[in-house]
PDB file of all heavy atoms in Angstrom:
ATOM      1  N   ARG A   1     130.259-190.800  -3.740  1.00  0.00           N
ATOM      2  CA  ARG A   1     128.840-190.430  -3.659  1.00  0.00           C
ATOM      3  C   ARG A   1     128.386-189.805  -4.971  1.00  0.00           C
ATOM      4  O   ARG A   1     129.193-189.325  -5.770  1.00  0.00           O
ATOM      5  CB  ARG A   1     128.620-189.420  -2.536  1.00  0.00           C
ATOM      6  CG  ARG A   1     129.376-188.127  -2.779  1.00  0.00           C
ATOM      7  CD  ARG A   1     129.280-187.178  -1.626  1.00  0.00           C
ATOM      8  NE  ARG A   1     130.323-186.157  -1.761  1.00  0.00           N
ATOM      9  CZ  ARG A   1     130.481-185.163  -0.940  1.00  0.00           C
ATOM     10  NH1 ARG A   1     129.690-185.045   0.087  1.00  0.00           N
ATOM     11  NH2 ARG A   1     131.435-184.290  -1.134  1.00  0.00           N
ATOM     12  N   ALA A   2     127.071-189.800  -5.166  1.00  0.00           N
ATOM     13  CA  ALA A   2     126.453-189.100  -6.288  1.00  0.00           C
ATOM     14  C   ALA A   2     125.572-188.005  -5.712  1.00  0.00           C
ATOM     15  O   ALA A   2     124.764-188.263  -4.810  1.00  0.00           O
ATOM     16  CB  ALA A   2     125.619-190.056  -7.133  1.00  0.00           C
ATOM     17  N   LEU A   3     125.747-186.782  -6.185  1.00  0.00           N
ATOM     18  CA  LEU A   3     124.874-185.662  -5.829  1.00  0.00           C
ATOM     19  C   LEU A   3     123.944-185.431  -7.008  1.00  0.00           C
ATOM     20  O   LEU A   3     124.408-185.130  -8.115  1.00  0.00           O
ATOM     21  CB  LEU A   3     125.678-184.396  -5.546  1.00  0.00           C
ATOM     22  CG  LEU A   3     126.575-184.423  -4.326  1.00  0.00           C
ATOM     23  CD1 LEU A   3     127.374-183.130  -4.237  1.00  0.00           C
ATOM     24  CD2 LEU A   3     125.747-184.598  -3.067  1.00  0.00           C
ATOM     25  N   ILE A   4     122.649-185.575  -6.783  1.00  0.00           N
ATOM     26  CA  ILE A   4     121.673-185.536  -7.874  1.00  0.00           C
ATOM     27  C   ILE A   4     120.678-184.418  -7.634  1.00  0.00           C
ATOM     28  O   ILE A   4     120.146-184.268  -6.537  1.00  0.00           O
ATOM     29  CB  ILE A   4     120.938-186.883  -7.983  1.00  0.00           C
ATOM     30  CG1 ILE A   4     121.946-188.008  -8.232  1.00  0.00           C
ATOM     31  CG2 ILE A   4     119.875-186.833  -9.070  1.00  0.00           C
ATOM     32  CD1 ILE A   4     121.346-189.390  -8.165  1.00  0.00           C
ATOM     33  N   ASN A   5     120.410-183.651  -8.684  1.00  0.00           N
ATOM     34  CA  ASN A   5     119.378-182.620  -8.662  1.00  0.00           C
ATOM     35  C   ASN A   5     118.476-182.872  -9.863  1.00  0.00           C
ATOM     36  O   ASN A   5     118.907-182.721 -11.006  1.00  0.00           O
ATOM     37  CB  ASN A   5     119.998-181.225  -8.714  1.00  0.00           C
ATOM     38  CG  ASN A   5     118.979-180.139  -8.527  1.00  0.00           C
ATOM     39  OD1 ASN A   5     117.875-180.379  -8.041  1.00  0.00           O
ATOM     40  ND2 ASN A   5     119.326-178.938  -8.918  1.00  0.00           N
ATOM     41  N   ALA A   6     117.243-183.297  -9.601  1.00  0.00           N
ATOM     42  CA  ALA A   6     116.324-183.641 -10.681  1.00  0.00           C
ATOM     43  C   ALA A   6     114.885-183.383 -10.252  1.00  0.00           C
ATOM     44  O   ALA A   6     114.594-183.265  -9.065  1.00  0.00           O
ATOM     45  CB  ALA A   6     116.497-185.109 -11.066  1.00  0.00           C
ATOM     46  N   SER A   7     114.006-183.310 -11.233  1.00  0.00           N
ATOM     47  CA  SER A   7     112.573-183.251 -10.952  1.00  0.00           C
ATOM     48  C   SER A   7     111.983-184.620 -11.259  1.00  0.00           C
ATOM     49  O   SER A   7     112.550-185.403 -12.020  1.00  0.00           O
ATOM     50  CB  SER A   7     111.907-182.166 -11.801  1.00  0.00           C
ATOM     51  OG  SER A   7     112.099-182.410 -13.173  1.00  0.00           O
ATOM     52  N   GLY A   8     110.869-184.909 -10.647  1.00  0.00           N
ATOM     53  CA  GLY A   8     110.240-186.213 -10.796  1.00  0.00           C
ATOM     54  C   GLY A   8     110.673-187.160  -9.697  1.00  0.00           C
ATOM     55  O   GLY A   8     111.468-186.823  -8.825  1.00  0.00           O
ATOM     56  N   THR A   9     110.120-188.366  -9.734  1.00  0.00           N
ATOM     57  CA  THR A   9     110.473-189.403  -8.774  1.00  0.00           C
ATOM     58  C   THR A   9     110.801-190.677  -9.544  1.00  0.00           C
ATOM     59  O   THR A   9     110.299-190.894 -10.645  1.00  0.00           O
ATOM     60  CB  THR A   9     109.324-189.699  -7.795  1.00  0.00           C
ATOM     61  OG1 THR A   9     108.182-190.118  -8.541  1.00  0.00           O
ATOM     62  CG2 THR A   9     108.966-188.491  -6.969  1.00  0.00           C
ATOM     63  N   GLY A  10     111.637-191.517  -8.963  1.00  0.00           N
ATOM     64  CA  GLY A  10     111.978-192.750  -9.657  1.00  0.00           C
ATOM     65  C   GLY A  10     113.025-193.551  -8.919  1.00  0.00           C
ATOM     66  O   GLY A  10     113.205-193.410  -7.709  1.00  0.00           O
ATOM     67  N   TYR A  11     113.708-194.394  -9.680  1.00  0.00           N
ATOM     68  CA  TYR A  11     114.718-195.284  -9.123  1.00  0.00           C
ATOM     69  C   TYR A  11     116.073-195.035  -9.764  1.00  0.00           C
ATOM     70  O   TYR A  11     116.157-194.564 -10.892  1.00  0.00           O
ATOM     71  CB  TYR A  11     114.326-196.751  -9.340  1.00  0.00           C
ATOM     72  CG  TYR A  11     113.221-197.201  -8.434  1.00  0.00           C
ATOM     73  CD1 TYR A  11     111.893-197.102  -8.828  1.00  0.00           C
ATOM     74  CD2 TYR A  11     113.502-197.706  -7.179  1.00  0.00           C
ATOM     75  CE1 TYR A  11     110.869-197.508  -7.986  1.00  0.00           C
ATOM     76  CE2 TYR A  11     112.493-198.114  -6.330  1.00  0.00           C
ATOM     77  CZ  TYR A  11     111.177-198.011  -6.734  1.00  0.00           C
ATOM     78  OH  TYR A  11     110.183-198.406  -5.901  1.00  0.00           O
ATOM     79  N   ILE A  12     117.136-195.425  -9.036  1.00  0.00           N
ATOM     80  CA  ILE A  12     118.508-195.242  -9.487  1.00  0.00           C
ATOM     81  C   ILE A  12     119.212-196.600  -9.450  1.00  0.00           C
ATOM     82  O   ILE A  12     119.064-197.351  -8.473  1.00  0.00           O
ATOM     83  CB  ILE A  12     119.266-194.263  -8.559  1.00  0.00           C
ATOM     84  CG1 ILE A  12     118.520-192.950  -8.443  1.00  0.00           C
ATOM     85  CG2 ILE A  12     120.682-194.032  -9.048  1.00  0.00           C
ATOM     86  CD1 ILE A  12     119.027-192.074  -7.311  1.00  0.00           C
ATOM     87  N   TRP A  13     119.996-196.879 -10.507  1.00  0.00           N
ATOM     88  CA  TRP A  13     120.781-198.106 -10.570  1.00  0.00           C
ATOM     89  C   TRP A  13     122.233-197.753 -10.808  1.00  0.00           C
ATOM     90  O   TRP A  13     122.548-196.869 -11.610  1.00  0.00           O
ATOM     91  CB  TRP A  13     120.311-199.003 -11.711  1.00  0.00           C
ATOM     92  CG  TRP A  13     118.963-199.608 -11.493  1.00  0.00           C
ATOM     93  CD1 TRP A  13     118.669-200.803 -10.931  1.00  0.00           C
ATOM     94  CD2 TRP A  13     117.712-199.034 -11.875  1.00  0.00           C
ATOM     95  NE1 TRP A  13     117.321-201.012 -10.930  1.00  0.00           N
ATOM     96  CE2 TRP A  13     116.705-199.923 -11.493  1.00  0.00           C
ATOM     97  CE3 TRP A  13     117.345-197.831 -12.480  1.00  0.00           C
ATOM     98  CZ2 TRP A  13     115.360-199.678 -11.718  1.00  0.00           C
ATOM     99  CZ3 TRP A  13     116.004-197.573 -12.693  1.00  0.00           C
ATOM    100  CH2 TRP A  13     115.030-198.498 -12.318  1.00  0.00           C
ATOM    101  N   LEU A  14     123.123-198.457 -10.126  1.00  0.00           N
ATOM    102  CA  LEU A  14     124.563-198.295 -10.300  1.00  0.00           C
ATOM    103  C   LEU A  14     125.120-199.615 -10.821  1.00  0.00           C
ATOM    104  O   LEU A  14     125.045-200.632 -10.119  1.00  0.00           O
ATOM    105  CB  LEU A  14     125.239-197.928  -8.975  1.00  0.00           C
ATOM    106  CG  LEU A  14     126.763-197.912  -8.974  1.00  0.00           C
ATOM    107  CD1 LEU A  14     127.296-196.860  -9.939  1.00  0.00           C
ATOM    108  CD2 LEU A  14     127.298-197.665  -7.571  1.00  0.00           C
ATOM    109  N   ASN A  15     125.609-199.607 -12.045  1.00  0.00           N
ATOM    110  CA  ASN A  15     126.163-200.804 -12.683  1.00  0.00           C
ATOM    111  C   ASN A  15     125.227-202.006 -12.549  1.00  0.00           C
ATOM    112  O   ASN A  15     125.643-203.122 -12.253  1.00  0.00           O
ATOM    113  CB  ASN A  15     127.546-201.129 -12.116  1.00  0.00           C
ATOM    114  CG  ASN A  15     128.557-200.066 -12.466  1.00  0.00           C
ATOM    115  OD1 ASN A  15     128.498-199.462 -13.532  1.00  0.00           O
ATOM    116  ND2 ASN A  15     129.491-199.816 -11.559  1.00  0.00           N
ATOM    117  N   GLY A  16     123.926-201.764 -12.746  1.00  0.00           N
ATOM    118  CA  GLY A  16     122.925-202.824 -12.715  1.00  0.00           C
ATOM    119  C   GLY A  16     122.353-203.150 -11.342  1.00  0.00           C
ATOM    120  O   GLY A  16     121.463-203.983 -11.230  1.00  0.00           O
ATOM    121  N   HIS A  17     122.825-202.488 -10.290  1.00  0.00           N
ATOM    122  CA  HIS A  17     122.332-202.722  -8.924  1.00  0.00           C
ATOM    123  C   HIS A  17     121.418-201.575  -8.515  1.00  0.00           C
ATOM    124  O   HIS A  17     121.756-200.407  -8.717  1.00  0.00           O
ATOM    125  CB  HIS A  17     123.495-202.820  -7.932  1.00  0.00           C
ATOM    126  CG  HIS A  17     124.449-203.914  -8.248  1.00  0.00           C
ATOM    127  ND1 HIS A  17     124.246-205.218  -7.859  1.00  0.00           N
ATOM    128  CD2 HIS A  17     125.622-203.902  -8.928  1.00  0.00           C
ATOM    129  CE1 HIS A  17     125.244-205.964  -8.278  1.00  0.00           C
ATOM    130  NE2 HIS A  17     126.103-205.175  -8.933  1.00  0.00           N
ATOM    131  N   ASN A  18     120.278-201.904  -7.913  1.00  0.00           N
ATOM    132  CA  ASN A  18     119.336-200.875  -7.480  1.00  0.00           C
ATOM    133  C   ASN A  18     119.932-200.106  -6.303  1.00  0.00           C
ATOM    134  O   ASN A  18     120.127-200.655  -5.226  1.00  0.00           O
ATOM    135  CB  ASN A  18     118.008-201.499  -7.100  1.00  0.00           C
ATOM    136  CG  ASN A  18     116.935-200.462  -6.847  1.00  0.00           C
ATOM    137  OD1 ASN A  18     117.213-199.347  -6.425  1.00  0.00           O
ATOM    138  ND2 ASN A  18     115.706-200.827  -7.119  1.00  0.00           N
ATOM    139  N   LEU A  19     120.199-198.832  -6.524  1.00  0.00           N
ATOM    140  CA  LEU A  19     120.808-197.977  -5.501  1.00  0.00           C
ATOM    141  C   LEU A  19     119.759-197.384  -4.573  1.00  0.00           C
ATOM    142  O   LEU A  19     120.035-197.091  -3.420  1.00  0.00           O
ATOM    143  CB  LEU A  19     121.605-196.862  -6.183  1.00  0.00           C
ATOM    144  CG  LEU A  19     122.519-196.011  -5.339  1.00  0.00           C
ATOM    145  CD1 LEU A  19     123.575-196.857  -4.646  1.00  0.00           C
ATOM    146  CD2 LEU A  19     123.188-194.957  -6.203  1.00  0.00           C
ATOM    147  N   GLY A  20     118.547-197.187  -5.056  1.00  0.00           N
ATOM    148  CA  GLY A  20     117.502-196.638  -4.215  1.00  0.00           C
ATOM    149  C   GLY A  20     116.514-195.799  -4.993  1.00  0.00           C
ATOM    150  O   GLY A  20     116.530-195.750  -6.212  1.00  0.00           O
ATOM    151  N   ARG A  21     115.672-195.099  -4.232  1.00  0.00           N
ATOM    152  CA  ARG A  21     114.637-194.267  -4.830  1.00  0.00           C
ATOM    153  C   ARG A  21     115.052-192.808  -4.797  1.00  0.00           C
ATOM    154  O   ARG A  21     115.701-192.358  -3.864  1.00  0.00           O
ATOM    155  CB  ARG A  21     113.327-194.431  -4.066  1.00  0.00           C
ATOM    156  CG  ARG A  21     112.756-195.811  -4.194  1.00  0.00           C
ATOM    157  CD  ARG A  21     111.472-195.956  -3.451  1.00  0.00           C
ATOM    158  NE  ARG A  21     110.418-195.249  -4.179  1.00  0.00           N
ATOM    159  CZ  ARG A  21     109.140-195.343  -3.884  1.00  0.00           C
ATOM    160  NH1 ARG A  21     108.767-196.071  -2.867  1.00  0.00           N
ATOM    161  NH2 ARG A  21     108.256-194.693  -4.583  1.00  0.00           N
ATOM    162  N   TYR A  22     114.632-192.089  -5.800  1.00  0.00           N
ATOM    163  CA  TYR A  22     114.846-190.642  -5.851  1.00  0.00           C
ATOM    164  C   TYR A  22     113.481-189.971  -5.769  1.00  0.00           C
ATOM    165  O   TYR A  22     112.559-190.318  -6.503  1.00  0.00           O
ATOM    166  CB  TYR A  22     115.543-190.224  -7.149  1.00  0.00           C
ATOM    167  CG  TYR A  22     115.764-188.731  -7.190  1.00  0.00           C
ATOM    168  CD1 TYR A  22     116.891-188.173  -6.614  1.00  0.00           C
ATOM    169  CD2 TYR A  22     114.824-187.892  -7.764  1.00  0.00           C
ATOM    170  CE1 TYR A  22     117.080-186.809  -6.609  1.00  0.00           C
ATOM    171  CE2 TYR A  22     115.010-186.524  -7.765  1.00  0.00           C
ATOM    172  CZ  TYR A  22     116.136-185.987  -7.191  1.00  0.00           C
ATOM    173  OH  TYR A  22     116.318-184.632  -7.176  1.00  0.00           O
ATOM    174  N   TRP A  23     113.361-189.004  -4.843  1.00  0.00           N
ATOM    175  CA  TRP A  23     112.131-188.238  -4.690  1.00  0.00           C
ATOM    176  C   TRP A  23     112.417-186.776  -4.962  1.00  0.00           C
ATOM    177  O   TRP A  23     113.378-186.207  -4.432  1.00  0.00           O
ATOM    178  CB  TRP A  23     111.586-188.375  -3.261  1.00  0.00           C
ATOM    179  CG  TRP A  23     111.003-189.724  -3.005  1.00  0.00           C
ATOM    180  CD1 TRP A  23     111.638-190.790  -2.452  1.00  0.00           C
ATOM    181  CD2 TRP A  23     109.694-190.153  -3.326  1.00  0.00           C
ATOM    182  NE1 TRP A  23     110.797-191.871  -2.405  1.00  0.00           N
ATOM    183  CE2 TRP A  23     109.585-191.505  -2.933  1.00  0.00           C
ATOM    184  CE3 TRP A  23     108.584-189.536  -3.903  1.00  0.00           C
ATOM    185  CZ2 TRP A  23     108.419-192.236  -3.100  1.00  0.00           C
ATOM    186  CZ3 TRP A  23     107.429-190.284  -4.064  1.00  0.00           C
ATOM    187  CH2 TRP A  23     107.359-191.617  -3.660  1.00  0.00           C
ATOM    188  N   GLU A  24     111.572-186.170  -5.780  1.00  0.00           N
ATOM    189  CA  GLU A  24     111.713-184.739  -6.066  1.00  0.00           C
ATOM    190  C   GLU A  24     111.547-183.929  -4.782  1.00  0.00           C
ATOM    191  O   GLU A  24     112.308-183.011  -4.507  1.00  0.00           O
ATOM    192  CB  GLU A  24     110.660-184.325  -7.094  1.00  0.00           C
ATOM    193  CG  GLU A  24     110.662-182.858  -7.413  1.00  0.00           C
ATOM    194  CD  GLU A  24     109.598-182.514  -8.427  1.00  0.00           C
ATOM    195  OE1 GLU A  24     108.840-183.393  -8.873  1.00  0.00           O
ATOM    196  OE2 GLU A  24     109.519-181.338  -8.771  1.00  0.00           O
ATOM    197  N   GLU A  25     110.546-184.284  -3.987  1.00  0.00           N
ATOM    198  CA  GLU A  25     110.314-183.606  -2.715  1.00  0.00           C
ATOM    199  C   GLU A  25     110.928-184.456  -1.618  1.00  0.00           C
ATOM    200  O   GLU A  25     110.597-185.613  -1.462  1.00  0.00           O
ATOM    201  CB  GLU A  25     108.816-183.435  -2.468  1.00  0.00           C
ATOM    202  CG  GLU A  25     108.156-182.558  -3.507  1.00  0.00           C
ATOM    203  CD  GLU A  25     106.666-182.434  -3.285  1.00  0.00           C
ATOM    204  OE1 GLU A  25     106.197-182.733  -2.163  1.00  0.00           O
ATOM    205  OE2 GLU A  25     105.984-182.045  -4.228  1.00  0.00           O
ATOM    206  N   GLY A  26     111.801-183.865  -0.868  1.00  0.00           N
ATOM    207  CA  GLY A  26     112.449-184.612   0.202  1.00  0.00           C
ATOM    208  C   GLY A  26     113.871-184.151   0.385  1.00  0.00           C
ATOM    209  O   GLY A  26     114.428-183.464  -0.463  1.00  0.00           O
ATOM    210  N   PRO A  27     114.499-184.548   1.468  1.00  0.00           N
ATOM    211  CA  PRO A  27     115.830-184.029   1.769  1.00  0.00           C
ATOM    212  C   PRO A  27     116.970-184.730   1.050  1.00  0.00           C
ATOM    213  O   PRO A  27     118.054-184.196   0.985  1.00  0.00           O
ATOM    214  CB  PRO A  27     115.935-184.251   3.273  1.00  0.00           C
ATOM    215  CG  PRO A  27     115.095-185.462   3.515  1.00  0.00           C
ATOM    216  CD  PRO A  27     113.951-185.349   2.543  1.00  0.00           C
ATOM    217  N   GLN A  28     116.760-185.917   0.512  1.00  0.00           N
ATOM    218  CA  GLN A  28     117.910-186.672   0.000  1.00  0.00           C
ATOM    219  C   GLN A  28     118.267-186.275  -1.429  1.00  0.00           C
ATOM    220  O   GLN A  28     117.474-186.403  -2.348  1.00  0.00           O
ATOM    221  CB  GLN A  28     117.653-188.164   0.048  1.00  0.00           C
ATOM    222  CG  GLN A  28     118.899-188.956  -0.310  1.00  0.00           C
ATOM    223  CD  GLN A  28     118.742-190.441  -0.080  1.00  0.00           C
ATOM    224  OE1 GLN A  28     117.669-190.915   0.214  1.00  0.00           O
ATOM    225  NE2 GLN A  28     119.814-191.174  -0.233  1.00  0.00           N
ATOM    226  N   ARG A  29     119.478-185.789  -1.589  1.00  0.00           N
ATOM    227  CA  ARG A  29     120.052-185.476  -2.896  1.00  0.00           C
ATOM    228  C   ARG A  29     121.400-186.194  -3.061  1.00  0.00           C
ATOM    229  O   ARG A  29     121.980-186.185  -4.112  1.00  0.00           O
ATOM    230  CB  ARG A  29     120.290-183.966  -3.051  1.00  0.00           C
ATOM    231  CG  ARG A  29     119.052-183.147  -2.982  1.00  0.00           C
ATOM    232  CD  ARG A  29     118.399-183.088  -4.346  1.00  0.00           C
ATOM    233  NE  ARG A  29     117.251-182.208  -4.312  1.00  0.00           N
ATOM    234  CZ  ARG A  29     116.031-182.599  -4.629  1.00  0.00           C
ATOM    235  NH1 ARG A  29     115.790-183.823  -4.991  1.00  0.00           N
ATOM    236  NH2 ARG A  29     115.029-181.759  -4.593  1.00  0.00           N
ATOM    237  N   GLU A  30     121.859-186.807  -1.974  1.00  0.00           N
ATOM    238  CA  GLU A  30     123.173-187.436  -1.940  1.00  0.00           C
ATOM    239  C   GLU A  30     122.995-188.934  -1.742  1.00  0.00           C
ATOM    240  O   GLU A  30     122.269-189.363  -0.851  1.00  0.00           O
ATOM    241  CB  GLU A  30     123.975-186.829  -0.788  1.00  0.00           C
ATOM    242  CG  GLU A  30     125.370-187.355  -0.658  1.00  0.00           C
ATOM    243  CD  GLU A  30     126.123-186.587   0.426  1.00  0.00           C
ATOM    244  OE1 GLU A  30     126.337-185.388   0.265  1.00  0.00           O
ATOM    245  OE2 GLU A  30     126.471-187.225   1.423  1.00  0.00           O
ATOM    246  N   PHE A  31     123.689-189.720  -2.580  1.00  0.00           N
ATOM    247  CA  PHE A  31     123.572-191.166  -2.530  1.00  0.00           C
ATOM    248  C   PHE A  31     124.961-191.783  -2.440  1.00  0.00           C
ATOM    249  O   PHE A  31     125.820-191.502  -3.276  1.00  0.00           O
ATOM    250  CB  PHE A  31     122.844-191.685  -3.773  1.00  0.00           C
ATOM    251  CG  PHE A  31     121.415-191.238  -3.843  1.00  0.00           C
ATOM    252  CD1 PHE A  31     121.098-190.002  -4.378  1.00  0.00           C
ATOM    253  CD2 PHE A  31     120.406-192.037  -3.356  1.00  0.00           C
ATOM    254  CE1 PHE A  31     119.787-189.570  -4.435  1.00  0.00           C
ATOM    255  CE2 PHE A  31     119.091-191.617  -3.401  1.00  0.00           C
ATOM    256  CZ  PHE A  31     118.779-190.374  -3.945  1.00  0.00           C
ATOM    257  N   TYR A  32     125.169-192.618  -1.444  1.00  0.00           N
ATOM    258  CA  TYR A  32     126.428-193.350  -1.274  1.00  0.00           C
ATOM    259  C   TYR A  32     126.537-194.396  -2.375  1.00  0.00           C
ATOM    260  O   TYR A  32     125.573-195.099  -2.698  1.00  0.00           O
ATOM    261  CB  TYR A  32     126.458-194.003   0.112  1.00  0.00           C
ATOM    262  CG  TYR A  32     127.613-194.941   0.314  1.00  0.00           C
ATOM    263  CD1 TYR A  32     128.907-194.450   0.446  1.00  0.00           C
ATOM    264  CD2 TYR A  32     127.423-196.310   0.357  1.00  0.00           C
ATOM    265  CE1 TYR A  32     129.986-195.310   0.620  1.00  0.00           C
ATOM    266  CE2 TYR A  32     128.483-197.183   0.541  1.00  0.00           C
ATOM    267  CZ  TYR A  32     129.760-196.671   0.660  1.00  0.00           C
ATOM    268  OH  TYR A  32     130.814-197.524   0.825  1.00  0.00           O
ATOM    269  N   LEU A  33     127.715-194.514  -2.966  1.00  0.00           N
ATOM    270  CA  LEU A  33     127.978-195.502  -4.008  1.00  0.00           C
ATOM    271  C   LEU A  33     128.826-196.625  -3.411  1.00  0.00           C
ATOM    272  O   LEU A  33     130.017-196.433  -3.159  1.00  0.00           O
ATOM    273  CB  LEU A  33     128.714-194.844  -5.191  1.00  0.00           C
ATOM    274  CG  LEU A  33     128.028-193.626  -5.804  1.00  0.00           C
ATOM    275  CD1 LEU A  33     128.882-193.041  -6.917  1.00  0.00           C
ATOM    276  CD2 LEU A  33     126.632-193.969  -6.302  1.00  0.00           C
ATOM    277  N   PRO A  34     128.231-197.783  -3.131  1.00  0.00           N
ATOM    278  CA  PRO A  34     128.970-198.866  -2.479  1.00  0.00           C
ATOM    279  C   PRO A  34     130.171-199.335  -3.297  1.00  0.00           C
ATOM    280  O   PRO A  34     130.078-199.532  -4.508  1.00  0.00           O
ATOM    281  CB  PRO A  34     127.932-199.994  -2.374  1.00  0.00           C
ATOM    282  CG  PRO A  34     126.607-199.299  -2.454  1.00  0.00           C
ATOM    283  CD  PRO A  34     126.827-198.123  -3.356  1.00  0.00           C
ATOM    284  N   ASP A  35     131.298-199.500  -2.620  1.00  0.00           N
ATOM    285  CA  ASP A  35     132.544-199.942  -3.270  1.00  0.00           C
ATOM    286  C   ASP A  35     132.363-201.235  -4.061  1.00  0.00           C
ATOM    287  O   ASP A  35     132.936-201.400  -5.136  1.00  0.00           O
ATOM    288  CB  ASP A  35     133.630-200.192  -2.229  1.00  0.00           C
ATOM    289  CG  ASP A  35     134.163-198.915  -1.632  1.00  0.00           C
ATOM    290  OD1 ASP A  35     133.635-197.836  -1.941  1.00  0.00           O
ATOM    291  OD2 ASP A  35     135.131-199.005  -0.863  1.00  0.00           O
ATOM    292  N   CYS A  36     131.579-202.160  -3.507  1.00  0.00           N
ATOM    293  CA  CYS A  36     131.432-203.475  -4.137  1.00  0.00           C
ATOM    294  C   CYS A  36     130.713-203.396  -5.484  1.00  0.00           C
ATOM    295  O   CYS A  36     130.770-204.333  -6.276  1.00  0.00           O
ATOM    296  CB  CYS A  36     130.718-204.439  -3.197  1.00  0.00           C
ATOM    297  SG  CYS A  36     129.084-203.881  -2.682  1.00  0.00           S
ATOM    298  N   TRP A  37     130.044-202.286  -5.776  1.00  0.00           N
ATOM    299  CA  TRP A  37     129.350-202.111  -7.061  1.00  0.00           C
ATOM    300  C   TRP A  37     130.119-201.206  -8.013  1.00  0.00           C
ATOM    301  O   TRP A  37     129.736-201.049  -9.166  1.00  0.00           O
ATOM    302  CB  TRP A  37     127.962-201.536  -6.846  1.00  0.00           C
ATOM    303  CG  TRP A  37     127.040-202.436  -6.081  1.00  0.00           C
ATOM    304  CD1 TRP A  37     127.209-203.758  -5.793  1.00  0.00           C
ATOM    305  CD2 TRP A  37     125.804-202.061  -5.494  1.00  0.00           C
ATOM    306  NE1 TRP A  37     126.155-204.228  -5.058  1.00  0.00           N
ATOM    307  CE2 TRP A  37     125.268-203.201  -4.859  1.00  0.00           C
ATOM    308  CE3 TRP A  37     125.082-200.883  -5.430  1.00  0.00           C
ATOM    309  CZ2 TRP A  37     124.057-203.198  -4.200  1.00  0.00           C
ATOM    310  CZ3 TRP A  37     123.867-200.867  -4.771  1.00  0.00           C
ATOM    311  CH2 TRP A  37     123.361-202.017  -4.151  1.00  0.00           C
ATOM    312  N   LEU A  38     131.182-200.575  -7.535  1.00  0.00           N
ATOM    313  CA  LEU A  38     131.970-199.664  -8.375  1.00  0.00           C
ATOM    314  C   LEU A  38     133.078-200.405  -9.104  1.00  0.00           C
ATOM    315  O   LEU A  38     133.604-201.405  -8.620  1.00  0.00           O
ATOM    316  CB  LEU A  38     132.576-198.545  -7.522  1.00  0.00           C
ATOM    317  CG  LEU A  38     131.612-197.508  -6.990  1.00  0.00           C
ATOM    318  CD1 LEU A  38     132.319-196.597  -5.992  1.00  0.00           C
ATOM    319  CD2 LEU A  38     131.004-196.686  -8.118  1.00  0.00           C
ATOM    320  N   LYS A  39     133.449-199.863 -10.269  1.00  0.00           N
ATOM    321  CA  LYS A  39     134.566-200.386 -11.048  1.00  0.00           C
ATOM    322  C   LYS A  39     135.647-199.309 -11.064  1.00  0.00           C
ATOM    323  O   LYS A  39     135.468-198.261 -11.680  1.00  0.00           O
ATOM    324  CB  LYS A  39     134.120-200.691 -12.474  1.00  0.00           C
ATOM    325  CG  LYS A  39     133.012-201.716 -12.560  1.00  0.00           C
ATOM    326  CD  LYS A  39     132.519-201.822 -13.977  1.00  0.00           C
ATOM    327  CE  LYS A  39     131.302-202.702 -14.060  1.00  0.00           C
ATOM    328  NZ  LYS A  39     130.722-202.678 -15.404  1.00  0.00           N
ATOM    329  N   PHE A  40     136.740-199.561 -10.361  1.00  0.00           N
ATOM    330  CA  PHE A  40     137.830-198.591 -10.295  1.00  0.00           C
ATOM    331  C   PHE A  40     138.766-198.816 -11.475  1.00  0.00           C
ATOM    332  O   PHE A  40     139.142-199.937 -11.779  1.00  0.00           O
ATOM    333  CB  PHE A  40     138.568-198.708  -8.964  1.00  0.00           C
ATOM    334  CG  PHE A  40     137.705-198.306  -7.806  1.00  0.00           C
ATOM    335  CD1 PHE A  40     136.996-199.245  -7.086  1.00  0.00           C
ATOM    336  CD2 PHE A  40     137.588-196.969  -7.460  1.00  0.00           C
ATOM    337  CE1 PHE A  40     136.180-198.869  -6.025  1.00  0.00           C
ATOM    338  CE2 PHE A  40     136.783-196.587  -6.402  1.00  0.00           C
ATOM    339  CZ  PHE A  40     136.076-197.537  -5.690  1.00  0.00           C
TER     340      PHE A  40
END
């Protein structure tokens, strides 16, 4: 997972794949990182 603390709103990409939206206001600060997009 990625734990993110930031101001502003926008989008997140993991190795070129759109992971989702980030909102400054809202409960989500934790994002699951799918295995199929990770490079171990």
